[in-house]
C-alpha cells in the first residue's frame, strides 16, 4: 500500500480494453506530512477520488486482479488502484 496525493486526471484516446470505463488519475507518493517521496504515477480510481485528495493505493498486481474480479492466474495491465480516500494520516511509531 502507498499513500499518495491525486494531482491530475489522465485521458487517453487509445488504451488497453481493461481501462475502458475506468477513471485514471495522476498521483504522487507522499509521506504522512504530505512531503513528496517519489515520482508521479497513474492509478485506476475505485474510490471516487478527485484532484487534491489524499488516497490509499493498492500497488500490487494480485490485489488489483482481486479488486477487478480477475482469476489469480489471469492477466490485467493494471497495478496501482486507488482503494480509499484518507481523512488523516500520522506516524505514531517515531
N, C-alpha and C. Protein backbone atom coordinates (compact mmCIF):
# COMPACT_ATOMS: atom_id res chain seq x y z
N UNK A 1 0.84 -1.18 0.00
CA UNK A 1 0.00 0.00 0.00
C UNK A 1 0.88 1.24 0.00
N UNK A 2 0.39 2.26 -0.68
CA UNK A 2 1.09 3.55 -0.75
C UNK A 2 0.12 4.66 -0.39
N UNK A 3 0.66 5.70 0.19
CA UNK A 3 -0.08 6.92 0.44
C UNK A 3 0.28 7.89 -0.69
N UNK A 4 -0.71 8.53 -1.29
CA UNK A 4 -0.43 9.42 -2.42
C UNK A 4 -1.42 10.58 -2.45
N UNK A 5 -1.06 11.61 -3.20
CA UNK A 5 -1.92 12.76 -3.42
C UNK A 5 -2.29 12.75 -4.91
N UNK A 6 -3.58 12.92 -5.20
CA UNK A 6 -4.03 12.99 -6.59
C UNK A 6 -3.69 14.38 -7.12
N UNK A 7 -2.95 14.43 -8.24
CA UNK A 7 -2.51 15.72 -8.78
C UNK A 7 -3.09 16.02 -10.16
N UNK A 8 -3.84 15.08 -10.73
CA UNK A 8 -4.42 15.35 -12.04
C UNK A 8 -5.20 14.16 -12.57
N UNK A 9 -5.77 14.35 -13.73
CA UNK A 9 -6.52 13.28 -14.40
C UNK A 9 -5.77 12.88 -15.66
N UNK A 10 -6.07 11.67 -16.14
CA UNK A 10 -5.44 11.15 -17.35
C UNK A 10 -6.54 10.79 -18.33
N UNK A 11 -6.40 11.26 -19.56
CA UNK A 11 -7.34 10.93 -20.63
C UNK A 11 -6.54 10.34 -21.78
N UNK A 12 -6.98 9.20 -22.29
CA UNK A 12 -6.28 8.56 -23.41
C UNK A 12 -7.30 8.13 -24.46
N UNK A 13 -7.04 8.50 -25.70
CA UNK A 13 -7.96 8.12 -26.77
C UNK A 13 -7.71 6.69 -27.23
N UNK A 14 -6.50 6.18 -27.02
CA UNK A 14 -6.17 4.80 -27.35
C UNK A 14 -5.63 4.16 -26.07
N UNK A 15 -6.22 3.04 -25.69
CA UNK A 15 -5.83 2.39 -24.43
C UNK A 15 -6.16 0.91 -24.48
N UNK A 16 -5.60 0.16 -23.55
CA UNK A 16 -5.93 -1.25 -23.41
C UNK A 16 -7.39 -1.36 -22.99
N UNK A 17 -8.07 -2.40 -23.43
CA UNK A 17 -9.50 -2.55 -23.13
C UNK A 17 -9.79 -2.63 -21.63
N UNK A 18 -8.81 -3.03 -20.83
CA UNK A 18 -9.02 -3.10 -19.38
C UNK A 18 -9.28 -1.72 -18.77
N UNK A 19 -8.84 -0.67 -19.46
CA UNK A 19 -9.04 0.69 -18.97
C UNK A 19 -10.36 1.31 -19.43
N UNK A 20 -11.09 0.62 -20.31
CA UNK A 20 -12.36 1.15 -20.79
C UNK A 20 -13.32 1.38 -19.62
N UNK A 21 -13.87 2.57 -19.52
CA UNK A 21 -14.83 2.90 -18.47
C UNK A 21 -14.21 3.18 -17.11
N UNK A 22 -12.88 3.16 -17.02
CA UNK A 22 -12.20 3.40 -15.76
C UNK A 22 -11.76 4.85 -15.68
N UNK A 23 -11.75 5.40 -14.47
CA UNK A 23 -11.19 6.72 -14.23
C UNK A 23 -9.73 6.53 -13.86
N UNK A 24 -8.86 7.20 -14.57
CA UNK A 24 -7.42 7.09 -14.32
C UNK A 24 -6.93 8.44 -13.82
N UNK A 25 -6.24 8.43 -12.69
CA UNK A 25 -5.77 9.66 -12.07
C UNK A 25 -4.25 9.67 -11.94
N UNK A 26 -3.67 10.85 -12.02
CA UNK A 26 -2.24 11.03 -11.84
C UNK A 26 -1.98 11.28 -10.36
N UNK A 27 -1.07 10.51 -9.78
CA UNK A 27 -0.81 10.58 -8.34
C UNK A 27 0.68 10.77 -8.08
N UNK A 28 0.99 11.34 -6.90
CA UNK A 28 2.38 11.39 -6.48
C UNK A 28 2.45 10.85 -5.05
N UNK A 29 3.43 9.97 -4.78
CA UNK A 29 3.54 9.39 -3.45
C UNK A 29 3.96 10.45 -2.43
N UNK A 30 3.38 10.38 -1.25
CA UNK A 30 3.69 11.33 -0.18
C UNK A 30 3.85 10.58 1.14
N UNK A 31 4.48 11.25 2.11
CA UNK A 31 4.54 10.69 3.45
C UNK A 31 3.40 11.26 4.28
N UNK A 32 3.37 10.96 5.56
CA UNK A 32 2.25 11.41 6.40
C UNK A 32 2.25 12.92 6.61
N UNK A 33 3.35 13.58 6.25
CA UNK A 33 3.42 15.05 6.35
C UNK A 33 3.14 15.70 4.99
N UNK A 34 2.67 14.91 4.02
CA UNK A 34 2.37 15.35 2.64
C UNK A 34 3.61 15.78 1.87
N UNK A 35 4.78 15.33 2.28
CA UNK A 35 6.01 15.59 1.54
C UNK A 35 6.14 14.54 0.43
N UNK A 36 6.39 15.01 -0.79
CA UNK A 36 6.51 14.11 -1.94
C UNK A 36 7.72 13.19 -1.74
N UNK A 37 7.51 11.89 -1.97
CA UNK A 37 8.56 10.90 -1.72
C UNK A 37 9.02 10.18 -2.98
N UNK A 38 8.52 10.55 -4.13
CA UNK A 38 8.93 9.86 -5.35
C UNK A 38 8.27 10.47 -6.57
N UNK A 39 8.45 9.80 -7.70
CA UNK A 39 7.90 10.28 -8.95
C UNK A 39 6.43 9.97 -9.10
N UNK A 40 5.76 10.74 -9.95
CA UNK A 40 4.32 10.55 -10.16
C UNK A 40 4.04 9.26 -10.93
N UNK A 41 2.81 8.77 -10.81
CA UNK A 41 2.38 7.54 -11.45
C UNK A 41 0.88 7.61 -11.68
N UNK A 42 0.36 6.71 -12.51
CA UNK A 42 -1.08 6.68 -12.74
C UNK A 42 -1.70 5.55 -11.92
N UNK A 43 -2.95 5.74 -11.54
CA UNK A 43 -3.69 4.73 -10.79
C UNK A 43 -5.15 4.75 -11.22
N UNK A 44 -5.75 3.58 -11.26
CA UNK A 44 -7.18 3.46 -11.57
C UNK A 44 -7.95 3.76 -10.29
N UNK A 45 -8.95 4.60 -10.40
CA UNK A 45 -9.72 5.04 -9.22
C UNK A 45 -10.92 4.13 -8.97
N UNK A 46 -10.98 3.54 -7.79
CA UNK A 46 -12.14 2.75 -7.37
C UNK A 46 -12.79 3.35 -6.13
N UNK A 47 -12.39 4.58 -5.75
CA UNK A 47 -12.91 5.21 -4.53
C UNK A 47 -13.55 6.56 -4.80
N UNK A 48 -13.71 6.94 -6.06
CA UNK A 48 -14.28 8.23 -6.43
C UNK A 48 -13.47 9.40 -5.89
N UNK A 49 -12.15 9.29 -6.03
CA UNK A 49 -11.25 10.35 -5.58
C UNK A 49 -11.22 11.48 -6.60
N UNK A 50 -10.68 12.59 -6.18
CA UNK A 50 -10.54 13.74 -7.07
C UNK A 50 -9.22 14.43 -6.84
N UNK A 51 -8.91 15.38 -7.69
CA UNK A 51 -7.66 16.14 -7.59
C UNK A 51 -7.57 16.79 -6.22
N UNK A 52 -6.43 16.63 -5.57
CA UNK A 52 -6.20 17.18 -4.24
C UNK A 52 -6.43 16.19 -3.11
N UNK A 53 -7.11 15.08 -3.38
CA UNK A 53 -7.39 14.09 -2.34
C UNK A 53 -6.14 13.31 -1.95
N UNK A 54 -6.04 12.99 -0.68
CA UNK A 54 -5.03 12.08 -0.16
C UNK A 54 -5.64 10.69 -0.26
N UNK A 55 -4.95 9.76 -0.91
CA UNK A 55 -5.54 8.46 -1.19
C UNK A 55 -4.63 7.31 -0.78
N UNK A 56 -5.26 6.15 -0.61
CA UNK A 56 -4.54 4.91 -0.32
C UNK A 56 -4.52 4.10 -1.60
N UNK A 57 -3.32 3.69 -2.00
CA UNK A 57 -3.12 2.97 -3.26
C UNK A 57 -2.74 1.53 -2.97
N UNK A 58 -3.48 0.59 -3.58
CA UNK A 58 -3.06 -0.81 -3.59
C UNK A 58 -2.10 -0.91 -4.76
N UNK A 59 -0.84 -1.19 -4.47
CA UNK A 59 0.20 -1.16 -5.50
C UNK A 59 0.75 -2.56 -5.76
N UNK A 60 -0.14 -3.48 -6.11
CA UNK A 60 0.29 -4.86 -6.28
C UNK A 60 -0.66 -5.54 -7.25
N UNK A 61 -0.11 -6.25 -8.23
CA UNK A 61 -0.90 -6.85 -9.29
C UNK A 61 -1.97 -7.82 -8.85
N UNK A 62 -1.65 -8.71 -7.90
CA UNK A 62 -2.64 -9.68 -7.45
C UNK A 62 -3.81 -8.99 -6.76
N UNK A 63 -3.53 -7.97 -5.97
CA UNK A 63 -4.60 -7.21 -5.32
C UNK A 63 -5.49 -6.53 -6.35
N UNK A 64 -4.88 -6.00 -7.41
CA UNK A 64 -5.67 -5.36 -8.49
C UNK A 64 -6.56 -6.40 -9.16
N UNK A 65 -6.03 -7.59 -9.42
CA UNK A 65 -6.86 -8.64 -10.04
C UNK A 65 -8.05 -8.98 -9.14
N UNK A 66 -7.84 -9.04 -7.83
CA UNK A 66 -8.93 -9.34 -6.91
C UNK A 66 -9.99 -8.24 -6.94
N UNK A 67 -9.55 -6.98 -6.95
CA UNK A 67 -10.48 -5.86 -6.98
C UNK A 67 -11.33 -5.89 -8.26
N UNK A 68 -10.72 -6.26 -9.38
CA UNK A 68 -11.43 -6.29 -10.65
C UNK A 68 -12.09 -7.64 -10.94
N UNK A 69 -11.98 -8.60 -10.02
CA UNK A 69 -12.63 -9.89 -10.19
C UNK A 69 -12.00 -10.76 -11.26
N UNK A 70 -10.69 -10.64 -11.44
CA UNK A 70 -9.96 -11.42 -12.43
C UNK A 70 -9.37 -12.65 -11.75
N UNK A 71 -9.38 -13.77 -12.44
CA UNK A 71 -8.78 -15.01 -11.93
C UNK A 71 -7.33 -14.74 -11.51
N UNK A 72 -6.87 -15.35 -10.40
CA UNK A 72 -5.49 -15.12 -9.93
C UNK A 72 -4.42 -15.39 -10.99
N UNK A 73 -4.71 -16.27 -11.93
CA UNK A 73 -3.73 -16.55 -12.99
C UNK A 73 -4.01 -15.74 -14.24
N UNK A 74 -5.06 -14.93 -14.19
CA UNK A 74 -5.41 -14.08 -15.33
C UNK A 74 -4.46 -12.90 -15.46
N UNK A 75 -4.58 -12.19 -16.57
CA UNK A 75 -3.71 -11.04 -16.82
C UNK A 75 -4.52 -9.75 -16.75
N UNK A 76 -3.91 -8.74 -16.16
CA UNK A 76 -4.52 -7.42 -16.05
C UNK A 76 -3.39 -6.39 -16.11
N UNK A 77 -3.44 -5.45 -17.07
CA UNK A 77 -2.36 -4.47 -17.19
C UNK A 77 -2.52 -3.28 -16.23
N UNK A 78 -3.04 -3.55 -15.05
CA UNK A 78 -3.25 -2.51 -14.03
C UNK A 78 -2.58 -2.98 -12.76
N UNK A 79 -1.76 -2.13 -12.16
CA UNK A 79 -1.12 -2.48 -10.89
C UNK A 79 -1.60 -1.57 -9.78
N UNK A 80 -1.57 -0.25 -10.02
CA UNK A 80 -1.94 0.72 -8.98
C UNK A 80 -3.42 1.04 -9.02
N UNK A 81 -4.10 0.80 -7.89
CA UNK A 81 -5.54 1.04 -7.79
C UNK A 81 -5.81 1.87 -6.54
N UNK A 82 -6.55 2.97 -6.70
CA UNK A 82 -6.95 3.78 -5.55
C UNK A 82 -8.09 3.06 -4.86
N UNK A 83 -7.86 2.67 -3.61
CA UNK A 83 -8.86 1.89 -2.87
C UNK A 83 -9.50 2.65 -1.72
N UNK A 84 -9.02 3.86 -1.43
CA UNK A 84 -9.62 4.63 -0.35
C UNK A 84 -9.17 6.08 -0.35
N UNK A 85 -10.00 6.93 0.23
CA UNK A 85 -9.66 8.33 0.43
C UNK A 85 -9.31 8.48 1.91
N UNK A 86 -8.16 9.07 2.18
CA UNK A 86 -7.62 9.17 3.54
C UNK A 86 -8.02 10.50 4.15
N UNK A 87 -8.64 10.44 5.33
CA UNK A 87 -9.00 11.65 6.05
C UNK A 87 -7.81 12.23 6.81
N UNK A 88 -7.02 11.36 7.44
CA UNK A 88 -5.86 11.80 8.20
C UNK A 88 -4.85 10.66 8.28
N UNK A 89 -3.58 11.02 8.34
CA UNK A 89 -2.52 10.02 8.47
C UNK A 89 -1.48 10.55 9.46
N UNK A 90 -1.02 9.68 10.31
CA UNK A 90 0.03 10.07 11.26
C UNK A 90 0.93 8.90 11.54
N UNK A 91 2.16 9.19 11.89
CA UNK A 91 3.11 8.16 12.26
C UNK A 91 3.21 8.15 13.78
N UNK A 92 2.86 7.07 14.39
CA UNK A 92 2.90 7.01 15.85
C UNK A 92 4.09 6.23 16.37
N UNK A 93 4.86 5.62 15.51
CA UNK A 93 5.98 4.80 15.96
C UNK A 93 7.27 5.56 16.12
N UNK A 94 7.34 6.79 15.67
CA UNK A 94 8.60 7.56 15.77
C UNK A 94 8.81 8.12 17.13
